[in-house]
Amino acid sequence: MALQILGAHIHRTWDTGNHHEQWRDLPEIPTKLEIMPEIDENTRPRSREEKWNDYQNDPVYDSKLPKNIIDGPWPSKESYISAHYQILREDAVAPLREAIKSFKQHPNMNDDNDICVYTRVRALIRHLGIF
C-alpha cells in the first residue's frame, strides 16, 4: 500500500500535466537523464586546470536555467516563482549529478568531504519504475 501511494506521488498520476506554467510539469524526483546525462565523448568539454583567480569569474550555468533578476522588478509573480523553483531544483540536483559522476569515474572511492558512499543499500526507487 505504501509503495502504491509513493509511486502515485512520484509519477503524479493525479496530475493532468496540462499546466500553463512549464515548471509545474517538472518531476519532483529528478529523472535518470537529469542525473546522468548522455555525454558524447567527441563533444565533451575538456576539463582544464583551475587557475588561482577563477573564483573571480562568473560560473557557467545551464543555458536552459532561467536567470535571476536582481536589478528591478520581475515581469510577473508567475515568472518569479517559475525561475526560483527551477533554480532551487537545480541547486538540489547538481550535487547529486556531480557525486554520481565522481563515483562512476572512481568506483572504489571512499567517503570524502562532499560525498558519502553507502553500500548494501536497496533503492526503493527501482521498485517504483523510475530507473
N, C-alpha and C. Protein backbone atom coordinates (compact mmCIF):
# COMPACT_ATOMS: atom_id res chain seq x y z
N MET A 1 0.82 -1.19 0.00
CA MET A 1 0.00 0.00 0.00
C MET A 1 0.87 1.26 0.00
N ALA A 2 1.91 1.24 0.84
CA ALA A 2 2.78 2.41 0.91
C ALA A 2 3.51 2.64 -0.42
N LEU A 3 3.94 1.55 -1.07
CA LEU A 3 4.60 1.68 -2.36
C LEU A 3 3.67 2.26 -3.41
N GLN A 4 2.40 1.89 -3.36
CA GLN A 4 1.43 2.42 -4.32
C GLN A 4 1.22 3.92 -4.11
N ILE A 5 1.12 4.32 -2.86
CA ILE A 5 0.93 5.75 -2.55
C ILE A 5 2.15 6.55 -2.98
N LEU A 6 3.33 6.03 -2.63
CA LEU A 6 4.57 6.72 -3.01
C LEU A 6 4.73 6.76 -4.53
N GLY A 7 4.43 5.65 -5.19
CA GLY A 7 4.52 5.59 -6.65
C GLY A 7 3.58 6.58 -7.31
N ALA A 8 2.35 6.68 -6.79
CA ALA A 8 1.39 7.64 -7.35
C ALA A 8 1.87 9.07 -7.17
N HIS A 9 2.51 9.32 -6.04
CA HIS A 9 3.02 10.68 -5.80
C HIS A 9 4.18 11.00 -6.73
N ILE A 10 5.10 10.06 -6.88
CA ILE A 10 6.28 10.29 -7.73
C ILE A 10 5.88 10.42 -9.19
N HIS A 11 5.00 9.52 -9.66
CA HIS A 11 4.59 9.54 -11.06
C HIS A 11 3.48 10.55 -11.33
N ARG A 12 2.98 11.16 -10.27
CA ARG A 12 1.95 12.20 -10.36
C ARG A 12 0.74 11.74 -11.17
N THR A 13 0.25 10.56 -10.85
CA THR A 13 -0.89 10.02 -11.57
C THR A 13 -2.14 10.87 -11.37
N TRP A 14 -2.18 11.65 -10.33
CA TRP A 14 -3.32 12.50 -10.03
C TRP A 14 -3.27 13.81 -10.82
N ASP A 15 -2.13 14.10 -11.45
CA ASP A 15 -1.94 15.38 -12.13
C ASP A 15 -2.14 15.21 -13.63
N THR A 16 -2.92 16.08 -14.22
CA THR A 16 -3.17 16.00 -15.67
C THR A 16 -1.96 16.48 -16.47
N GLY A 17 -1.11 17.32 -15.88
CA GLY A 17 0.07 17.82 -16.57
C GLY A 17 -0.21 18.90 -17.58
N ASN A 18 -1.40 19.45 -17.56
CA ASN A 18 -1.77 20.50 -18.51
C ASN A 18 -1.68 21.87 -17.87
N HIS A 19 -0.52 22.20 -17.34
CA HIS A 19 -0.33 23.49 -16.68
C HIS A 19 0.20 24.50 -17.69
N HIS A 20 -0.21 25.73 -17.57
CA HIS A 20 0.37 26.73 -18.47
C HIS A 20 1.74 27.16 -17.99
N GLU A 21 2.10 26.84 -16.74
CA GLU A 21 3.45 27.09 -16.25
C GLU A 21 4.27 25.81 -16.44
N GLN A 22 5.34 25.87 -17.23
CA GLN A 22 6.12 24.67 -17.55
C GLN A 22 6.77 24.06 -16.31
N TRP A 23 7.13 24.88 -15.35
CA TRP A 23 7.84 24.36 -14.18
C TRP A 23 6.96 23.41 -13.38
N ARG A 24 5.66 23.53 -13.48
CA ARG A 24 4.76 22.64 -12.73
C ARG A 24 4.77 21.22 -13.29
N ASP A 25 5.25 21.05 -14.50
CA ASP A 25 5.29 19.72 -15.11
C ASP A 25 6.61 19.00 -14.84
N LEU A 26 7.56 19.67 -14.19
CA LEU A 26 8.83 19.01 -13.87
C LEU A 26 8.61 17.96 -12.79
N PRO A 27 9.26 16.81 -12.90
CA PRO A 27 9.08 15.79 -11.87
C PRO A 27 9.74 16.22 -10.56
N GLU A 28 9.15 15.80 -9.45
CA GLU A 28 9.73 16.15 -8.15
C GLU A 28 11.03 15.41 -7.92
N ILE A 29 11.11 14.18 -8.38
CA ILE A 29 12.34 13.41 -8.29
C ILE A 29 13.02 13.50 -9.65
N PRO A 30 14.30 13.89 -9.68
CA PRO A 30 14.96 14.04 -10.97
C PRO A 30 15.01 12.74 -11.75
N THR A 31 14.94 12.88 -13.06
CA THR A 31 14.98 11.70 -13.92
C THR A 31 16.42 11.21 -14.08
N LYS A 32 16.54 10.00 -14.61
CA LYS A 32 17.86 9.42 -14.85
C LYS A 32 18.66 10.32 -15.80
N LEU A 33 18.00 10.88 -16.80
CA LEU A 33 18.70 11.72 -17.78
C LEU A 33 19.21 13.01 -17.13
N GLU A 34 18.50 13.53 -16.13
CA GLU A 34 18.97 14.72 -15.43
C GLU A 34 20.18 14.42 -14.56
N ILE A 35 20.18 13.25 -13.96
CA ILE A 35 21.27 12.89 -13.05
C ILE A 35 22.49 12.38 -13.80
N MET A 36 22.24 11.59 -14.84
CA MET A 36 23.33 11.02 -15.63
C MET A 36 23.12 11.36 -17.09
N PRO A 37 23.40 12.60 -17.49
CA PRO A 37 23.16 12.99 -18.88
C PRO A 37 24.06 12.20 -19.83
N GLU A 38 23.49 11.89 -20.99
CA GLU A 38 24.27 11.20 -22.02
C GLU A 38 25.28 12.20 -22.57
N ILE A 39 26.54 11.83 -22.53
CA ILE A 39 27.59 12.74 -22.98
C ILE A 39 28.32 12.10 -24.14
N ASP A 40 28.37 12.81 -25.24
CA ASP A 40 29.11 12.34 -26.40
C ASP A 40 30.58 12.65 -26.16
N GLU A 41 31.41 11.63 -26.21
CA GLU A 41 32.84 11.81 -25.94
C GLU A 41 33.49 12.81 -26.90
N ASN A 42 32.95 12.95 -28.12
CA ASN A 42 33.54 13.88 -29.09
C ASN A 42 33.20 15.33 -28.77
N THR A 43 32.08 15.57 -28.09
CA THR A 43 31.69 16.95 -27.79
C THR A 43 31.87 17.31 -26.33
N ARG A 44 32.41 16.37 -25.55
CA ARG A 44 32.62 16.63 -24.12
C ARG A 44 33.63 17.76 -23.94
N PRO A 45 33.28 18.77 -23.13
CA PRO A 45 34.26 19.83 -22.88
C PRO A 45 35.45 19.28 -22.09
N ARG A 46 36.60 19.65 -22.51
CA ARG A 46 37.80 19.19 -21.81
C ARG A 46 37.95 19.97 -20.50
N SER A 47 38.21 19.23 -19.43
CA SER A 47 38.40 19.91 -18.15
C SER A 47 39.78 20.56 -18.17
N ARG A 48 39.84 21.71 -17.60
CA ARG A 48 41.10 22.43 -17.57
C ARG A 48 41.52 22.63 -16.13
N GLU A 49 42.77 22.89 -15.95
CA GLU A 49 43.27 23.11 -14.60
C GLU A 49 42.75 24.44 -14.07
N GLU A 50 42.35 24.43 -12.83
CA GLU A 50 41.82 25.64 -12.21
C GLU A 50 42.95 26.64 -11.97
N LYS A 51 42.68 27.90 -12.29
CA LYS A 51 43.66 28.95 -12.07
C LYS A 51 43.38 29.63 -10.74
N TRP A 52 44.37 30.31 -10.22
CA TRP A 52 44.25 30.90 -8.89
C TRP A 52 43.15 31.96 -8.83
N ASN A 53 42.82 32.61 -9.94
CA ASN A 53 41.84 33.69 -9.91
C ASN A 53 40.49 33.29 -10.52
N ASP A 54 40.24 32.01 -10.70
CA ASP A 54 38.98 31.54 -11.28
C ASP A 54 37.77 31.94 -10.43
N TYR A 55 37.97 32.12 -9.16
CA TYR A 55 36.85 32.50 -8.29
C TYR A 55 36.25 33.85 -8.67
N GLN A 56 37.00 34.66 -9.39
CA GLN A 56 36.51 35.99 -9.79
C GLN A 56 35.59 35.93 -11.01
N ASN A 57 35.62 34.84 -11.75
CA ASN A 57 34.79 34.70 -12.94
C ASN A 57 33.40 34.22 -12.56
N ASP A 58 32.42 34.64 -13.33
CA ASP A 58 31.06 34.15 -13.11
C ASP A 58 31.00 32.69 -13.51
N PRO A 59 30.31 31.88 -12.70
CA PRO A 59 30.19 30.46 -13.07
C PRO A 59 29.32 30.29 -14.30
N VAL A 60 29.54 29.20 -15.02
CA VAL A 60 28.77 28.90 -16.22
C VAL A 60 27.63 27.96 -15.83
N TYR A 61 26.41 28.37 -16.13
CA TYR A 61 25.23 27.57 -15.79
C TYR A 61 24.60 27.03 -17.06
N ASP A 62 23.70 26.09 -16.87
CA ASP A 62 22.94 25.52 -17.97
C ASP A 62 22.17 26.65 -18.64
N SER A 63 22.25 26.72 -19.95
CA SER A 63 21.60 27.81 -20.69
C SER A 63 20.07 27.74 -20.58
N LYS A 64 19.52 26.56 -20.26
CA LYS A 64 18.08 26.43 -20.11
C LYS A 64 17.59 26.93 -18.75
N LEU A 65 18.50 27.11 -17.82
CA LEU A 65 18.14 27.58 -16.49
C LEU A 65 17.83 29.07 -16.54
N PRO A 66 16.71 29.50 -15.94
CA PRO A 66 16.37 30.91 -16.01
C PRO A 66 17.36 31.76 -15.20
N LYS A 67 17.48 33.00 -15.58
CA LYS A 67 18.36 33.93 -14.88
C LYS A 67 17.58 34.62 -13.77
N ASN A 68 18.24 34.83 -12.66
CA ASN A 68 17.62 35.53 -11.54
C ASN A 68 17.74 37.03 -11.77
N ILE A 69 16.64 37.73 -11.73
CA ILE A 69 16.64 39.18 -11.91
C ILE A 69 16.91 39.80 -10.55
N ILE A 70 18.04 40.49 -10.44
CA ILE A 70 18.37 41.12 -9.17
C ILE A 70 18.28 42.64 -9.23
N ASP A 71 18.20 43.18 -10.43
CA ASP A 71 18.07 44.63 -10.60
C ASP A 71 16.71 44.93 -11.22
N GLY A 72 15.80 45.40 -10.41
CA GLY A 72 14.50 45.75 -10.93
C GLY A 72 13.45 44.69 -10.66
N PRO A 73 12.20 45.00 -11.01
CA PRO A 73 11.10 44.09 -10.71
C PRO A 73 11.01 42.94 -11.71
N TRP A 74 10.34 41.89 -11.29
CA TRP A 74 10.04 40.76 -12.16
C TRP A 74 8.82 41.10 -13.00
N PRO A 75 8.71 40.54 -14.20
CA PRO A 75 7.55 40.83 -15.05
C PRO A 75 6.22 40.40 -14.41
N SER A 76 6.27 39.29 -13.65
CA SER A 76 5.05 38.82 -13.01
C SER A 76 5.42 37.91 -11.84
N LYS A 77 4.44 37.68 -11.00
CA LYS A 77 4.63 36.77 -9.87
C LYS A 77 4.89 35.36 -10.38
N GLU A 78 4.20 34.97 -11.46
CA GLU A 78 4.37 33.64 -12.02
C GLU A 78 5.79 33.41 -12.54
N SER A 79 6.38 34.40 -13.20
CA SER A 79 7.73 34.24 -13.72
C SER A 79 8.75 34.18 -12.58
N TYR A 80 8.49 34.91 -11.50
CA TYR A 80 9.36 34.88 -10.32
C TYR A 80 9.34 33.48 -9.70
N ILE A 81 8.14 32.93 -9.50
CA ILE A 81 8.00 31.61 -8.89
C ILE A 81 8.62 30.55 -9.78
N SER A 82 8.38 30.63 -11.08
CA SER A 82 8.92 29.67 -12.03
C SER A 82 10.45 29.66 -12.00
N ALA A 83 11.05 30.84 -12.09
CA ALA A 83 12.51 30.93 -12.11
C ALA A 83 13.12 30.39 -10.83
N HIS A 84 12.57 30.78 -9.70
CA HIS A 84 13.16 30.35 -8.44
C HIS A 84 12.94 28.87 -8.17
N TYR A 85 11.82 28.32 -8.59
CA TYR A 85 11.61 26.88 -8.44
C TYR A 85 12.67 26.13 -9.25
N GLN A 86 12.89 26.55 -10.49
CA GLN A 86 13.86 25.86 -11.34
C GLN A 86 15.29 26.03 -10.82
N ILE A 87 15.62 27.20 -10.31
CA ILE A 87 16.96 27.44 -9.76
C ILE A 87 17.18 26.59 -8.52
N LEU A 88 16.21 26.56 -7.62
CA LEU A 88 16.34 25.76 -6.40
C LEU A 88 16.38 24.27 -6.72
N ARG A 89 15.62 23.85 -7.72
CA ARG A 89 15.62 22.45 -8.12
C ARG A 89 17.00 22.06 -8.64
N GLU A 90 17.60 22.92 -9.46
CA GLU A 90 18.95 22.66 -9.96
C GLU A 90 19.96 22.65 -8.82
N ASP A 91 19.78 23.52 -7.82
CA ASP A 91 20.66 23.52 -6.65
C ASP A 91 20.61 22.19 -5.91
N ALA A 92 19.48 21.51 -5.96
CA ALA A 92 19.34 20.21 -5.30
C ALA A 92 19.87 19.07 -6.17
N VAL A 93 19.69 19.16 -7.49
CA VAL A 93 20.07 18.06 -8.39
C VAL A 93 21.57 18.09 -8.72
N ALA A 94 22.16 19.26 -8.84
CA ALA A 94 23.56 19.38 -9.26
C ALA A 94 24.53 18.59 -8.38
N PRO A 95 24.43 18.67 -7.04
CA PRO A 95 25.37 17.88 -6.22
C PRO A 95 25.20 16.37 -6.41
N LEU A 96 23.97 15.93 -6.63
CA LEU A 96 23.73 14.51 -6.89
C LEU A 96 24.37 14.10 -8.21
N ARG A 97 24.22 14.95 -9.23
CA ARG A 97 24.83 14.68 -10.54
C ARG A 97 26.35 14.61 -10.41
N GLU A 98 26.94 15.53 -9.68
CA GLU A 98 28.40 15.54 -9.52
C GLU A 98 28.89 14.33 -8.72
N ALA A 99 28.12 13.93 -7.70
CA ALA A 99 28.52 12.77 -6.90
C ALA A 99 28.49 11.50 -7.73
N ILE A 100 27.47 11.33 -8.55
CA ILE A 100 27.38 10.14 -9.39
C ILE A 100 28.48 10.14 -10.44
N LYS A 101 28.75 11.30 -11.00
CA LYS A 101 29.82 11.42 -11.99
C LYS A 101 31.16 11.04 -11.36
N SER A 102 31.41 11.53 -10.16
CA SER A 102 32.66 11.22 -9.46
C SER A 102 32.75 9.74 -9.12
N PHE A 103 31.64 9.17 -8.67
CA PHE A 103 31.64 7.75 -8.32
C PHE A 103 31.85 6.87 -9.55
N LYS A 104 31.28 7.26 -10.70
CA LYS A 104 31.47 6.48 -11.92
C LYS A 104 32.92 6.54 -12.39
N GLN A 105 33.59 7.65 -12.14
CA GLN A 105 35.00 7.78 -12.52
C GLN A 105 35.90 7.00 -11.57
N HIS A 106 35.49 6.90 -10.30
CA HIS A 106 36.29 6.23 -9.27
C HIS A 106 35.38 5.29 -8.46
N PRO A 107 35.01 4.13 -9.04
CA PRO A 107 34.04 3.25 -8.38
C PRO A 107 34.49 2.70 -7.03
N ASN A 108 35.76 2.71 -6.75
CA ASN A 108 36.27 2.20 -5.46
C ASN A 108 36.50 3.31 -4.45
N MET A 109 35.95 4.48 -4.72
CA MET A 109 36.19 5.62 -3.84
C MET A 109 35.57 5.41 -2.46
N ASN A 110 36.10 6.11 -1.49
CA ASN A 110 35.55 6.13 -0.14
C ASN A 110 34.87 7.48 0.07
N ASP A 111 34.28 7.65 1.22
CA ASP A 111 33.67 8.94 1.54
C ASP A 111 34.71 10.04 1.48
N ASP A 112 34.26 11.23 1.10
CA ASP A 112 35.11 12.41 1.19
C ASP A 112 34.28 13.53 1.82
N ASN A 113 34.74 14.75 1.73
CA ASN A 113 34.03 15.87 2.36
C ASN A 113 32.69 16.16 1.70
N ASP A 114 32.51 15.77 0.44
CA ASP A 114 31.29 16.09 -0.29
C ASP A 114 30.38 14.89 -0.54
N ILE A 115 30.95 13.69 -0.53
CA ILE A 115 30.19 12.51 -0.93
C ILE A 115 30.30 11.42 0.13
N CYS A 116 29.16 10.82 0.46
CA CYS A 116 29.13 9.65 1.33
C CYS A 116 28.69 8.47 0.47
N VAL A 117 29.46 7.40 0.53
CA VAL A 117 29.17 6.21 -0.25
C VAL A 117 28.52 5.18 0.67
N TYR A 118 27.30 4.78 0.32
CA TYR A 118 26.58 3.77 1.09
C TYR A 118 26.60 2.46 0.32
N THR A 119 26.89 1.37 1.01
CA THR A 119 26.89 0.06 0.39
C THR A 119 25.76 -0.76 0.99
N ARG A 120 25.42 -1.85 0.30
CA ARG A 120 24.36 -2.75 0.74
C ARG A 120 23.04 -2.00 0.97
N VAL A 121 22.74 -1.11 0.03
CA VAL A 121 21.51 -0.33 0.10
C VAL A 121 20.63 -0.77 -1.05
N ARG A 122 19.38 -1.00 -0.77
CA ARG A 122 18.42 -1.37 -1.81
C ARG A 122 17.56 -0.16 -2.09
N ALA A 123 17.60 0.30 -3.31
CA ALA A 123 16.89 1.52 -3.67
C ALA A 123 15.41 1.23 -3.89
N LEU A 124 14.58 1.91 -3.17
CA LEU A 124 13.14 1.80 -3.33
C LEU A 124 12.70 2.34 -4.69
N ILE A 125 13.46 3.26 -5.22
CA ILE A 125 13.12 3.91 -6.46
C ILE A 125 13.05 2.88 -7.61
N ARG A 126 13.90 1.91 -7.60
CA ARG A 126 13.89 0.89 -8.66
C ARG A 126 12.56 0.13 -8.65
N HIS A 127 12.00 -0.11 -7.49
CA HIS A 127 10.73 -0.82 -7.40
C HIS A 127 9.57 0.02 -7.94
N LEU A 128 9.75 1.32 -7.94
CA LEU A 128 8.69 2.21 -8.42
C LEU A 128 8.81 2.47 -9.91
N GLY A 129 9.84 1.93 -10.56
CA GLY A 129 9.96 2.06 -12.01
C GLY A 129 10.51 3.39 -12.47
N ILE A 130 11.24 4.10 -11.60
CA ILE A 130 11.81 5.38 -12.01
C ILE A 130 13.06 5.17 -12.84
N PHE A 131 13.90 4.21 -12.43
CA PHE A 131 15.12 3.92 -13.19
C PHE A 131 14.98 2.60 -13.88
